[in-house]
PDB file of all heavy atoms in Angstrom:
ATOM      1  N   ASP A   1      75.314  86.775 126.997  1.00  0.00           N
ATOM      2  CA  ASP A   1      74.921  85.841 125.940  1.00  0.00           C
ATOM      3  C   ASP A   1      74.110  86.522 124.850  1.00  0.00           C
ATOM      4  O   ASP A   1      73.424  85.865 124.069  1.00  0.00           O
ATOM      5  CB  ASP A   1      74.063  84.699 126.525  1.00  0.00           C
ATOM      6  CG  ASP A   1      74.826  83.874 127.537  1.00  0.00           C
ATOM      7  OD1 ASP A   1      76.069  83.876 127.460  1.00  0.00           O
ATOM      8  OD2 ASP A   1      74.184  83.250 128.393  1.00  0.00           O
ATOM      9  N   GLY A   2      74.145  87.850 124.817  1.00  0.00           N
ATOM     10  CA  GLY A   2      73.298  88.577 123.879  1.00  0.00           C
ATOM     11  C   GLY A   2      73.866  88.614 122.476  1.00  0.00           C
ATOM     12  O   GLY A   2      74.661  87.753 122.062  1.00  0.00           O
ATOM     13  N   LEU A   3      73.487  89.636 121.745  1.00  0.00           N
ATOM     14  CA  LEU A   3      73.900  89.793 120.355  1.00  0.00           C
ATOM     15  C   LEU A   3      75.419  89.848 120.260  1.00  0.00           C
ATOM     16  O   LEU A   3      76.078  90.595 120.983  1.00  0.00           O
ATOM     17  CB  LEU A   3      73.297  91.090 119.789  1.00  0.00           C
ATOM     18  CG  LEU A   3      73.602  91.419 118.332  1.00  0.00           C
ATOM     19  CD1 LEU A   3      73.005  90.358 117.417  1.00  0.00           C
ATOM     20  CD2 LEU A   3      73.064  92.799 117.987  1.00  0.00           C
ATOM     21  N   ARG A   4      75.974  89.031 119.382  1.00  0.00           N
ATOM     22  CA  ARG A   4      77.424  88.981 119.187  1.00  0.00           C
ATOM     23  C   ARG A   4      77.823  89.749 117.925  1.00  0.00           C
ATOM     24  O   ARG A   4      77.131  89.688 116.909  1.00  0.00           O
ATOM     25  CB  ARG A   4      77.889  87.528 119.052  1.00  0.00           C
ATOM     26  CG  ARG A   4      77.565  86.661 120.253  1.00  0.00           C
ATOM     27  CD  ARG A   4      78.484  86.947 121.404  1.00  0.00           C
ATOM     28  NE  ARG A   4      78.217  86.050 122.527  1.00  0.00           N
ATOM     29  CZ  ARG A   4      78.904  86.065 123.645  1.00  0.00           C
ATOM     30  NH1 ARG A   4      79.890  86.919 123.808  1.00  0.00           N
ATOM     31  NH2 ARG A   4      78.615  85.231 124.626  1.00  0.00           N
ATOM     32  N   MET A   5      78.950  90.440 118.027  1.00  0.00           N
ATOM     33  CA  MET A   5      79.457  91.153 116.867  1.00  0.00           C
ATOM     34  C   MET A   5      80.281  90.196 115.997  1.00  0.00           C
ATOM     35  O   MET A   5      81.049  89.390 116.519  1.00  0.00           O
ATOM     36  CB  MET A   5      80.312  92.326 117.334  1.00  0.00           C
ATOM     37  CG  MET A   5      80.775  93.235 116.211  1.00  0.00           C
ATOM     38  SD  MET A   5      81.608  94.715 116.830  1.00  0.00           S
ATOM     39  CE  MET A   5      80.230  95.623 117.498  1.00  0.00           C
ATOM     40  N   THR A   6      80.113  90.297 114.698  1.00  0.00           N
ATOM     41  CA  THR A   6      80.874  89.431 113.788  1.00  0.00           C
ATOM     42  C   THR A   6      82.349  89.845 113.817  1.00  0.00           C
ATOM     43  O   THR A   6      82.675  91.003 114.108  1.00  0.00           O
ATOM     44  CB  THR A   6      80.340  89.555 112.357  1.00  0.00           C
ATOM     45  OG1 THR A   6      80.542  90.898 111.900  1.00  0.00           O
ATOM     46  CG2 THR A   6      78.862  89.203 112.294  1.00  0.00           C
ATOM     47  N   PRO A   7      83.250  88.911 113.495  1.00  0.00           N
ATOM     48  CA  PRO A   7      84.685  89.260 113.442  1.00  0.00           C
ATOM     49  C   PRO A   7      84.970  90.437 112.513  1.00  0.00           C
ATOM     50  O   PRO A   7      85.844  91.261 112.790  1.00  0.00           O
ATOM     51  CB  PRO A   7      85.337  87.975 112.940  1.00  0.00           C
ATOM     52  CG  PRO A   7      84.397  86.886 113.362  1.00  0.00           C
ATOM     53  CD  PRO A   7      83.026  87.478 113.250  1.00  0.00           C
ATOM     54  N   ARG A   8      84.226  90.523 111.416  1.00  0.00           N
ATOM     55  CA  ARG A   8      84.448  91.620 110.467  1.00  0.00           C
ATOM     56  C   ARG A   8      84.096  92.962 111.095  1.00  0.00           C
ATOM     57  O   ARG A   8      84.854  93.937 110.962  1.00  0.00           O
ATOM     58  CB  ARG A   8      83.619  91.387 109.209  1.00  0.00           C
ATOM     59  CG  ARG A   8      83.852  92.435 108.128  1.00  0.00           C
ATOM     60  CD  ARG A   8      83.077  92.095 106.869  1.00  0.00           C
ATOM     61  NE  ARG A   8      83.322  93.084 105.824  1.00  0.00           N
ATOM     62  CZ  ARG A   8      82.755  93.043 104.627  1.00  0.00           C
ATOM     63  NH1 ARG A   8      81.915  92.035 104.329  1.00  0.00           N
ATOM     64  NH2 ARG A   8      83.018  93.981 103.729  1.00  0.00           N
ATOM     65  N   ARG A   9      82.956  93.006 111.772  1.00  0.00           N
ATOM     66  CA  ARG A   9      82.573  94.251 112.446  1.00  0.00           C
ATOM     67  C   ARG A   9      83.549  94.556 113.581  1.00  0.00           C
ATOM     68  O   ARG A   9      83.917  95.708 113.806  1.00  0.00           O
ATOM     69  CB  ARG A   9      81.147  94.130 112.988  1.00  0.00           C
ATOM     70  CG  ARG A   9      80.077  94.183 111.913  1.00  0.00           C
ATOM     71  CD  ARG A   9      78.703  93.870 112.476  1.00  0.00           C
ATOM     72  NE  ARG A   9      78.283  94.855 113.464  1.00  0.00           N
ATOM     73  CZ  ARG A   9      77.179  94.721 114.214  1.00  0.00           C
ATOM     74  NH1 ARG A   9      76.422  93.632 114.089  1.00  0.00           N
ATOM     75  NH2 ARG A   9      76.867  95.649 115.077  1.00  0.00           N
ATOM     76  N   GLN A  10      83.953  93.513 114.307  1.00  0.00           N
ATOM     77  CA  GLN A  10      84.878  93.691 115.418  1.00  0.00           C
ATOM     78  C   GLN A  10      86.194  94.307 114.947  1.00  0.00           C
ATOM     79  O   GLN A  10      86.791  95.139 115.639  1.00  0.00           O
ATOM     80  CB  GLN A  10      85.142  92.337 116.096  1.00  0.00           C
ATOM     81  CG  GLN A  10      86.039  92.401 117.320  1.00  0.00           C
ATOM     82  CD  GLN A  10      85.337  93.001 118.518  1.00  0.00           C
ATOM     83  OE1 GLN A  10      84.175  92.699 118.757  1.00  0.00           O
ATOM     84  NE2 GLN A  10      86.030  93.844 119.255  1.00  0.00           N
ATOM     85  N   SER A  11      86.633  93.920 113.750  1.00  0.00           N
ATOM     86  CA  SER A  11      87.927  94.401 113.233  1.00  0.00           C
ATOM     87  C   SER A  11      87.901  95.894 112.936  1.00  0.00           C
ATOM     88  O   SER A  11      88.958  96.517 112.767  1.00  0.00           O
ATOM     89  CB  SER A  11      88.305  93.621 111.970  1.00  0.00           C
ATOM     90  OG  SER A  11      87.413  93.930 110.900  1.00  0.00           O
ATOM     91  N   ARG A  12      86.710  96.465 112.839  1.00  0.00           N
ATOM     92  CA  ARG A  12      86.598  97.890 112.518  1.00  0.00           C
ATOM     93  C   ARG A  12      86.549  98.774 113.771  1.00  0.00           C
ATOM     94  O   ARG A  12      86.424  99.999 113.653  1.00  0.00           O
ATOM     95  CB  ARG A  12      85.344  98.128 111.676  1.00  0.00           C
ATOM     96  CG  ARG A  12      85.406  97.451 110.304  1.00  0.00           C
ATOM     97  CD  ARG A  12      84.068  97.545 109.602  1.00  0.00           C
ATOM     98  NE  ARG A  12      84.111  96.884 108.281  1.00  0.00           N
ATOM     99  CZ  ARG A  12      83.041  96.630 107.543  1.00  0.00           C
ATOM    100  NH1 ARG A  12      81.833  96.989 107.990  1.00  0.00           N
ATOM    101  NH2 ARG A  12      83.164  96.037 106.368  1.00  0.00           N
ATOM    102  N   LEU A  13      86.597  98.161 114.933  1.00  0.00           N
ATOM    103  CA  LEU A  13      86.593  98.930 116.174  1.00  0.00           C
ATOM    104  C   LEU A  13      88.026  99.224 116.587  1.00  0.00           C
ATOM    105  O   LEU A  13      88.895  98.350 116.528  1.00  0.00           O
ATOM    106  CB  LEU A  13      85.873  98.149 117.280  1.00  0.00           C
ATOM    107  CG  LEU A  13      84.423  97.737 116.993  1.00  0.00           C
ATOM    108  CD1 LEU A  13      83.833  97.041 118.207  1.00  0.00           C
ATOM    109  CD2 LEU A  13      83.581  98.948 116.609  1.00  0.00           C
ATOM    110  N   PHE A  14      88.277 100.454 117.023  1.00  0.00           N
ATOM    111  CA  PHE A  14      89.634 100.863 117.343  1.00  0.00           C
ATOM    112  C   PHE A  14      89.686 101.621 118.678  1.00  0.00           C
ATOM    113  O   PHE A  14      88.668 102.080 119.197  1.00  0.00           O
ATOM    114  CB  PHE A  14      90.195 101.778 116.237  1.00  0.00           C
ATOM    115  CG  PHE A  14      90.357 101.110 114.912  1.00  0.00           C
ATOM    116  CD1 PHE A  14      89.357 101.191 113.949  1.00  0.00           C
ATOM    117  CD2 PHE A  14      91.503 100.387 114.624  1.00  0.00           C
ATOM    118  CE1 PHE A  14      89.507 100.572 112.721  1.00  0.00           C
ATOM    119  CE2 PHE A  14      91.662  99.758 113.394  1.00  0.00           C
ATOM    120  CZ  PHE A  14      90.657  99.855 112.450  1.00  0.00           C
ATOM    121  N   CYS A  15      90.905 101.760 119.169  1.00  0.00           N
ATOM    122  CA  CYS A  15      91.204 102.673 120.269  1.00  0.00           C
ATOM    123  C   CYS A  15      92.060 103.788 119.685  1.00  0.00           C
ATOM    124  O   CYS A  15      92.855 103.554 118.771  1.00  0.00           O
ATOM    125  CB  CYS A  15      91.979 101.962 121.381  1.00  0.00           C
ATOM    126  SG  CYS A  15      91.052 100.652 122.184  1.00  0.00           S
ATOM    127  N   ARG A  16      91.881 104.996 120.180  1.00  0.00           N
ATOM    128  CA  ARG A  16      92.623 106.131 119.622  1.00  0.00           C
ATOM    129  C   ARG A  16      92.776 107.221 120.664  1.00  0.00           C
ATOM    130  O   ARG A  16      92.104 107.207 121.703  1.00  0.00           O
ATOM    131  CB  ARG A  16      91.881 106.675 118.403  1.00  0.00           C
ATOM    132  CG  ARG A  16      90.530 107.267 118.755  1.00  0.00           C
ATOM    133  CD  ARG A  16      89.725 107.665 117.530  1.00  0.00           C
ATOM    134  NE  ARG A  16      89.327 106.510 116.738  1.00  0.00           N
ATOM    135  CZ  ARG A  16      88.270 105.740 117.034  1.00  0.00           C
ATOM    136  NH1 ARG A  16      87.524 105.986 118.112  1.00  0.00           N
ATOM    137  NH2 ARG A  16      87.963 104.721 116.282  1.00  0.00           N
ATOM    138  N   TYR A  17      93.665 108.165 120.361  1.00  0.00           N
ATOM    139  CA  TYR A  17      93.742 109.390 121.146  1.00  0.00           C
ATOM    140  C   TYR A  17      92.853 110.434 120.469  1.00  0.00           C
ATOM    141  O   TYR A  17      92.902 110.609 119.253  1.00  0.00           O
ATOM    142  CB  TYR A  17      95.186 109.894 121.226  1.00  0.00           C
ATOM    143  CG  TYR A  17      96.029 109.101 122.192  1.00  0.00           C
ATOM    144  CD1 TYR A  17      96.985 108.196 121.725  1.00  0.00           C
ATOM    145  CD2 TYR A  17      95.872 109.254 123.564  1.00  0.00           C
ATOM    146  CE1 TYR A  17      97.752 107.453 122.608  1.00  0.00           C
ATOM    147  CE2 TYR A  17      96.630 108.509 124.453  1.00  0.00           C
ATOM    148  CZ  TYR A  17      97.569 107.623 123.974  1.00  0.00           C
ATOM    149  OH  TYR A  17      98.320 106.891 124.855  1.00  0.00           O
ATOM    150  N   HIS A  18      92.054 111.111 121.268  1.00  0.00           N
ATOM    151  CA  HIS A  18      91.010 111.985 120.731  1.00  0.00           C
ATOM    152  C   HIS A  18      91.207 113.402 121.253  1.00  0.00           C
ATOM    153  O   HIS A  18      91.369 113.625 122.455  1.00  0.00           O
ATOM    154  CB  HIS A  18      89.639 111.432 121.167  1.00  0.00           C
ATOM    155  CG  HIS A  18      88.477 112.287 120.788  1.00  0.00           C
ATOM    156  ND1 HIS A  18      87.990 112.346 119.503  1.00  0.00           N
ATOM    157  CD2 HIS A  18      87.691 113.124 121.530  1.00  0.00           C
ATOM    158  CE1 HIS A  18      86.952 113.168 119.460  1.00  0.00           C
ATOM    159  NE2 HIS A  18      86.759 113.656 120.676  1.00  0.00           N
ATOM    160  N   ASP A  19      91.191 114.381 120.317  1.00  0.00           N
ATOM    161  CA  ASP A  19      91.338 115.785 120.749  1.00  0.00           C
ATOM    162  C   ASP A  19      90.136 116.635 120.366  1.00  0.00           C
ATOM    163  O   ASP A  19      90.175 117.865 120.481  1.00  0.00           O
ATOM    164  CB  ASP A  19      92.620 116.389 120.166  1.00  0.00           C
ATOM    165  CG  ASP A  19      92.606 116.401 118.628  1.00  0.00           C
ATOM    166  OD1 ASP A  19      91.536 116.173 118.033  1.00  0.00           O
ATOM    167  OD2 ASP A  19      93.680 116.632 118.037  1.00  0.00           O
ATOM    168  N   ASN A  20      89.050 115.993 119.920  1.00  0.00           N
ATOM    169  CA  ASN A  20      87.816 116.678 119.535  1.00  0.00           C
ATOM    170  C   ASN A  20      88.102 117.817 118.557  1.00  0.00           C
ATOM    171  O   ASN A  20      87.857 119.006 118.841  1.00  0.00           O
ATOM    172  CB  ASN A  20      87.067 117.219 120.758  1.00  0.00           C
ATOM    173  CG  ASN A  20      85.650 117.676 120.408  1.00  0.00           C
ATOM    174  OD1 ASN A  20      85.094 117.259 119.384  1.00  0.00           O
ATOM    175  ND2 ASN A  20      85.083 118.537 121.242  1.00  0.00           N
ATOM    176  N   ASN A  21      88.629 117.417 117.393  1.00  0.00           N
ATOM    177  CA  ASN A  21      88.922 118.393 116.332  1.00  0.00           C
ATOM    178  C   ASN A  21      89.872 119.486 116.810  1.00  0.00           C
ATOM    179  O   ASN A  21      89.623 120.686 116.641  1.00  0.00           O
ATOM    180  CB  ASN A  21      87.629 119.008 115.787  1.00  0.00           C
ATOM    181  CG  ASN A  21      86.738 117.979 115.122  1.00  0.00           C
ATOM    182  OD1 ASN A  21      87.227 117.090 114.424  1.00  0.00           O
ATOM    183  ND2 ASN A  21      85.432 118.086 115.360  1.00  0.00           N
ATOM    184  N   ARG A  22      90.958 119.027 117.452  1.00  0.00           N
ATOM    185  CA  ARG A  22      92.016 119.922 117.917  1.00  0.00           C
ATOM    186  C   ARG A  22      91.501 120.980 118.888  1.00  0.00           C
ATOM    187  O   ARG A  22      91.809 122.170 118.796  1.00  0.00           O
ATOM    188  CB  ARG A  22      92.719 120.583 116.726  1.00  0.00           C
ATOM    189  CG  ARG A  22      93.359 119.584 115.766  1.00  0.00           C
ATOM    190  CD  ARG A  22      94.160 120.259 114.692  1.00  0.00           C
ATOM    191  NE  ARG A  22      95.301 121.008 115.232  1.00  0.00           N
ATOM    192  CZ  ARG A  22      96.444 120.452 115.629  1.00  0.00           C
ATOM    193  NH1 ARG A  22      96.599 119.132 115.575  1.00  0.00           N
ATOM    194  NH2 ARG A  22      97.435 121.209 116.065  1.00  0.00           N
ATOM    195  N   HIS A  23      90.721 120.508 119.844  1.00  0.00           N
ATOM    196  CA  HIS A  23      90.269 121.414 120.911  1.00  0.00           C
ATOM    197  C   HIS A  23      91.503 121.909 121.666  1.00  0.00           C
ATOM    198  O   HIS A  23      92.415 121.129 121.976  1.00  0.00           O
ATOM    199  CB  HIS A  23      89.326 120.664 121.864  1.00  0.00           C
ATOM    200  CG  HIS A  23      88.645 121.563 122.850  1.00  0.00           C
ATOM    201  ND1 HIS A  23      89.279 122.081 123.956  1.00  0.00           N
ATOM    202  CD2 HIS A  23      87.363 122.043 122.889  1.00  0.00           C
ATOM    203  CE1 HIS A  23      88.442 122.830 124.642  1.00  0.00           C
ATOM    204  NE2 HIS A  23      87.268 122.819 124.002  1.00  0.00           N
ATOM    205  N   PRO A  24      91.573 123.215 121.962  1.00  0.00           N
ATOM    206  CA  PRO A  24      92.766 123.781 122.601  1.00  0.00           C
ATOM    207  C   PRO A  24      93.218 123.040 123.852  1.00  0.00           C
ATOM    208  O   PRO A  24      94.424 122.945 124.119  1.00  0.00           O
ATOM    209  CB  PRO A  24      92.336 125.214 122.936  1.00  0.00           C
ATOM    210  CG  PRO A  24      91.269 125.524 121.938  1.00  0.00           C
ATOM    211  CD  PRO A  24      90.555 124.238 121.686  1.00  0.00           C
ATOM    212  N   LYS A  25      92.290 122.510 124.624  1.00  0.00           N
ATOM    213  CA  LYS A  25      92.650 121.836 125.873  1.00  0.00           C
ATOM    214  C   LYS A  25      93.245 120.451 125.639  1.00  0.00           C
ATOM    215  O   LYS A  25      93.882 119.891 126.538  1.00  0.00           O
ATOM    216  CB  LYS A  25      91.428 121.709 126.779  1.00  0.00           C
ATOM    217  CG  LYS A  25      90.962 123.026 127.379  1.00  0.00           C
ATOM    218  CD  LYS A  25      89.818 122.781 128.361  1.00  0.00           C
ATOM    219  CE  LYS A  25      89.359 124.103 128.976  1.00  0.00           C
ATOM    220  NZ  LYS A  25      88.223 123.895 129.921  1.00  0.00           N
ATOM    221  N   TYR A  26      93.004 119.871 124.438  1.00  0.00           N
ATOM    222  CA  TYR A  26      93.384 118.471 124.245  1.00  0.00           C
ATOM    223  C   TYR A  26      94.312 118.234 123.051  1.00  0.00           C
ATOM    224  O   TYR A  26      94.549 117.089 122.676  1.00  0.00           O
ATOM    225  CB  TYR A  26      92.126 117.610 124.114  1.00  0.00           C
ATOM    226  CG  TYR A  26      91.280 117.667 125.357  1.00  0.00           C
ATOM    227  CD1 TYR A  26      90.105 118.407 125.372  1.00  0.00           C
ATOM    228  CD2 TYR A  26      91.689 117.035 126.527  1.00  0.00           C
ATOM    229  CE1 TYR A  26      89.343 118.490 126.530  1.00  0.00           C
ATOM    230  CE2 TYR A  26      90.940 117.115 127.681  1.00  0.00           C
ATOM    231  CZ  TYR A  26      89.768 117.848 127.685  1.00  0.00           C
ATOM    232  OH  TYR A  26      89.029 117.943 128.834  1.00  0.00           O
ATOM    233  N   VAL A  27      94.823 119.306 122.473  1.00  0.00           N
ATOM    234  CA  VAL A  27      95.771 119.135 121.383  1.00  0.00           C
ATOM    235  C   VAL A  27      97.049 118.485 121.891  1.00  0.00           C
ATOM    236  O   VAL A  27      97.584 117.540 121.299  1.00  0.00           O
ATOM    237  CB  VAL A  27      96.078 120.497 120.719  1.00  0.00           C
ATOM    238  CG1 VAL A  27      97.235 120.348 119.729  1.00  0.00           C
ATOM    239  CG2 VAL A  27      94.852 121.030 119.996  1.00  0.00           C
ATOM    240  N   ILE A  28      97.561 118.974 123.022  1.00  0.00           N
ATOM    241  CA  ILE A  28      98.793 118.429 123.585  1.00  0.00           C
ATOM    242  C   ILE A  28      98.522 117.152 124.384  1.00  0.00           C
ATOM    243  O   ILE A  28      99.287 116.188 124.314  1.00  0.00           O
ATOM    244  CB  ILE A  28      99.492 119.478 124.481  1.00  0.00           C
ATOM    245  CG1 ILE A  28      99.906 120.682 123.644  1.00  0.00           C
ATOM    246  CG2 ILE A  28     100.707 118.868 125.188  1.00  0.00           C
ATOM    247  CD1 ILE A  28     100.541 121.792 124.453  1.00  0.00           C
ATOM    248  N   GLY A  29      97.430 117.146 125.104  1.00  0.00           N
ATOM    249  CA  GLY A  29      97.096 115.973 125.926  1.00  0.00           C
ATOM    250  C   GLY A  29      95.761 115.376 125.552  1.00  0.00           C
ATOM    251  O   GLY A  29      94.773 115.540 126.281  1.00  0.00           O
ATOM    252  N   PRO A  30      95.662 114.684 124.416  1.00  0.00           N
ATOM    253  CA  PRO A  30      94.380 114.099 123.994  1.00  0.00           C
ATOM    254  C   PRO A  30      93.930 112.995 124.953  1.00  0.00           C
ATOM    255  O   PRO A  30      94.736 112.447 125.704  1.00  0.00           O
ATOM    256  CB  PRO A  30      94.682 113.537 122.604  1.00  0.00           C
ATOM    257  CG  PRO A  30      96.154 113.268 122.622  1.00  0.00           C
ATOM    258  CD  PRO A  30      96.749 114.344 123.478  1.00  0.00           C
ATOM    259  N   VAL A  31      92.637 112.672 124.911  1.00  0.00           N
ATOM    260  CA  VAL A  31      92.077 111.653 125.798  1.00  0.00           C
ATOM    261  C   VAL A  31      91.995 110.325 125.067  1.00  0.00           C
ATOM    262  O   VAL A  31      92.018 110.268 123.830  1.00  0.00           O
ATOM    263  CB  VAL A  31      90.671 112.059 126.309  1.00  0.00           C
ATOM    264  CG1 VAL A  31      90.753 113.328 127.121  1.00  0.00           C
ATOM    265  CG2 VAL A  31      89.696 112.222 125.150  1.00  0.00           C
ATOM    266  N   LYS A  32      91.878 109.249 125.832  1.00  0.00           N
ATOM    267  CA  LYS A  32      91.785 107.908 125.248  1.00  0.00           C
ATOM    268  C   LYS A  32      90.326 107.600 124.910  1.00  0.00           C
ATOM    269  O   LYS A  32      89.452 107.678 125.776  1.00  0.00           O
ATOM    270  CB  LYS A  32      92.306 106.870 126.243  1.00  0.00           C
ATOM    271  CG  LYS A  32      93.776 107.047 126.594  1.00  0.00           C
ATOM    272  CD  LYS A  32      94.195 106.073 127.681  1.00  0.00           C
ATOM    273  CE  LYS A  32      95.656 106.279 128.069  1.00  0.00           C
ATOM    274  NZ  LYS A  32      96.060 105.371 129.173  1.00  0.00           N
ATOM    275  N   GLN A  33      90.093 107.237 123.665  1.00  0.00           N
ATOM    276  CA  GLN A  33      88.739 106.927 123.194  1.00  0.00           C
ATOM    277  C   GLN A  33      88.725 105.504 122.645  1.00  0.00           C
ATOM    278  O   GLN A  33      89.600 105.126 121.859  1.00  0.00           O
ATOM    279  CB  GLN A  33      88.313 107.911 122.108  1.00  0.00           C
ATOM    280  CG  GLN A  33      86.861 107.749 121.656  1.00  0.00           C
ATOM    281  CD  GLN A  33      86.562 108.592 120.432  1.00  0.00           C
ATOM    282  OE1 GLN A  33      87.088 108.307 119.340  1.00  0.00           O
ATOM    283  NE2 GLN A  33      85.751 109.627 120.588  1.00  0.00           N
ATOM    284  N   GLU A  34      87.729 104.725 123.054  1.00  0.00           N
ATOM    285  CA  GLU A  34      87.626 103.330 122.619  1.00  0.00           C
ATOM    286  C   GLU A  34      86.256 103.061 122.002  1.00  0.00           C
ATOM    287  O   GLU A  34      85.229 103.416 122.586  1.00  0.00           O
ATOM    288  CB  GLU A  34      87.843 102.384 123.803  1.00  0.00           C
ATOM    289  CG  GLU A  34      87.721 100.913 123.451  1.00  0.00           C
ATOM    290  CD  GLU A  34      87.822 100.004 124.669  1.00  0.00           C
ATOM    291  OE1 GLU A  34      87.952 100.530 125.797  1.00  0.00           O
ATOM    292  OE2 GLU A  34      87.756  98.770 124.490  1.00  0.00           O
ATOM    293  N   ASP A  35      86.251 102.435 120.823  1.00  0.00           N
ATOM    294  CA  ASP A  35      84.988 102.029 120.198  1.00  0.00           C
ATOM    295  C   ASP A  35      84.431 100.810 120.933  1.00  0.00           C
ATOM    296  O   ASP A  35      85.110  99.792 121.060  1.00  0.00           O
ATOM    297  CB  ASP A  35      85.206 101.664 118.728  1.00  0.00           C
ATOM    298  CG  ASP A  35      85.585 102.873 117.888  1.00  0.00           C
ATOM    299  OD1 ASP A  35      85.169 103.986 118.241  1.00  0.00           O
ATOM    300  OD2 ASP A  35      86.302 102.687 116.876  1.00  0.00           O
ATOM    301  N   GLU A  36      83.197 100.916 121.411  1.00  0.00           N
ATOM    302  CA  GLU A  36      82.540  99.784 122.077  1.00  0.00           C
ATOM    303  C   GLU A  36      81.569  99.066 121.138  1.00  0.00           C
ATOM    304  O   GLU A  36      81.378  97.866 121.236  1.00  0.00           O
ATOM    305  CB  GLU A  36      81.778 100.283 123.311  1.00  0.00           C
ATOM    306  CG  GLU A  36      82.658 100.817 124.427  1.00  0.00           C
ATOM    307  CD  GLU A  36      83.253  99.709 125.274  1.00  0.00           C
ATOM    308  OE1 GLU A  36      82.899  98.528 125.034  1.00  0.00           O
ATOM    309  OE2 GLU A  36      84.056 100.005 126.167  1.00  0.00           O
ATOM    310  N   TRP A  37      80.932  99.815 120.257  1.00  0.00           N
ATOM    311  CA  TRP A  37      79.919  99.243 119.351  1.00  0.00           C
ATOM    312  C   TRP A  37      79.859 100.122 118.111  1.00  0.00           C
ATOM    313  O   TRP A  37      80.205 101.319 118.172  1.00  0.00           O
ATOM    314  CB  TRP A  37      78.564  99.182 120.055  1.00  0.00           C
ATOM    315  CG  TRP A  37      77.622  98.156 119.482  1.00  0.00           C
ATOM    316  CD1 TRP A  37      76.569  98.385 118.653  1.00  0.00           C
ATOM    317  CD2 TRP A  37      77.668  96.744 119.698  1.00  0.00           C
ATOM    318  NE1 TRP A  37      75.946  97.195 118.337  1.00  0.00           N
ATOM    319  CE2 TRP A  37      76.599  96.164 118.973  1.00  0.00           C
ATOM    320  CE3 TRP A  37      78.495  95.912 120.433  1.00  0.00           C
ATOM    321  CZ2 TRP A  37      76.343  94.808 118.950  1.00  0.00           C
ATOM    322  CZ3 TRP A  37      78.247  94.548 120.421  1.00  0.00           C
ATOM    323  CH2 TRP A  37      77.177  94.001 119.695  1.00  0.00           C
ATOM    324  N   ASP A  38      79.409  99.509 117.005  1.00  0.00           N
ATOM    325  CA  ASP A  38      79.388 100.288 115.762  1.00  0.00           C
ATOM    326  C   ASP A  38      78.012 100.828 115.407  1.00  0.00           C
ATOM    327  O   ASP A  38      77.864 101.980 115.018  1.00  0.00           O
ATOM    328  CB  ASP A  38      79.961  99.455 114.607  1.00  0.00           C
ATOM    329  CG  ASP A  38      79.251  98.118 114.432  1.00  0.00           C
ATOM    330  OD1 ASP A  38      78.390  97.785 115.266  1.00  0.00           O
ATOM    331  OD2 ASP A  38      79.566  97.403 113.446  1.00  0.00           O
ATOM    332  N   ARG A  39      76.967  99.986 115.529  1.00  0.00           N
ATOM    333  CA  ARG A  39      75.624 100.429 115.155  1.00  0.00           C
ATOM    334  C   ARG A  39      74.632 100.069 116.251  1.00  0.00           C
ATOM    335  O   ARG A  39      74.290  98.886 116.395  1.00  0.00           O
ATOM    336  CB  ARG A  39      75.185  99.759 113.833  1.00  0.00           C
ATOM    337  CG  ARG A  39      76.044 100.132 112.644  1.00  0.00           C
ATOM    338  CD  ARG A  39      75.441  99.601 111.337  1.00  0.00           C
ATOM    339  NE  ARG A  39      75.264  98.150 111.344  1.00  0.00           N
ATOM    340  CZ  ARG A  39      76.213  97.277 110.975  1.00  0.00           C
ATOM    341  NH1 ARG A  39      77.407  97.707 110.595  1.00  0.00           N
ATOM    342  NH2 ARG A  39      75.972  95.993 110.982  1.00  0.00           N
TER     343      ARG A  39
END
């Protein structure tokens, strides 16, 4: 029941594949990264 994120802020959160600036270990197999909070 705590602080709620506004729909506008919520719309800016994404899921993506992450390779940490093309790290050699993760260029071919990037990891799954999910935004949980913005600020």
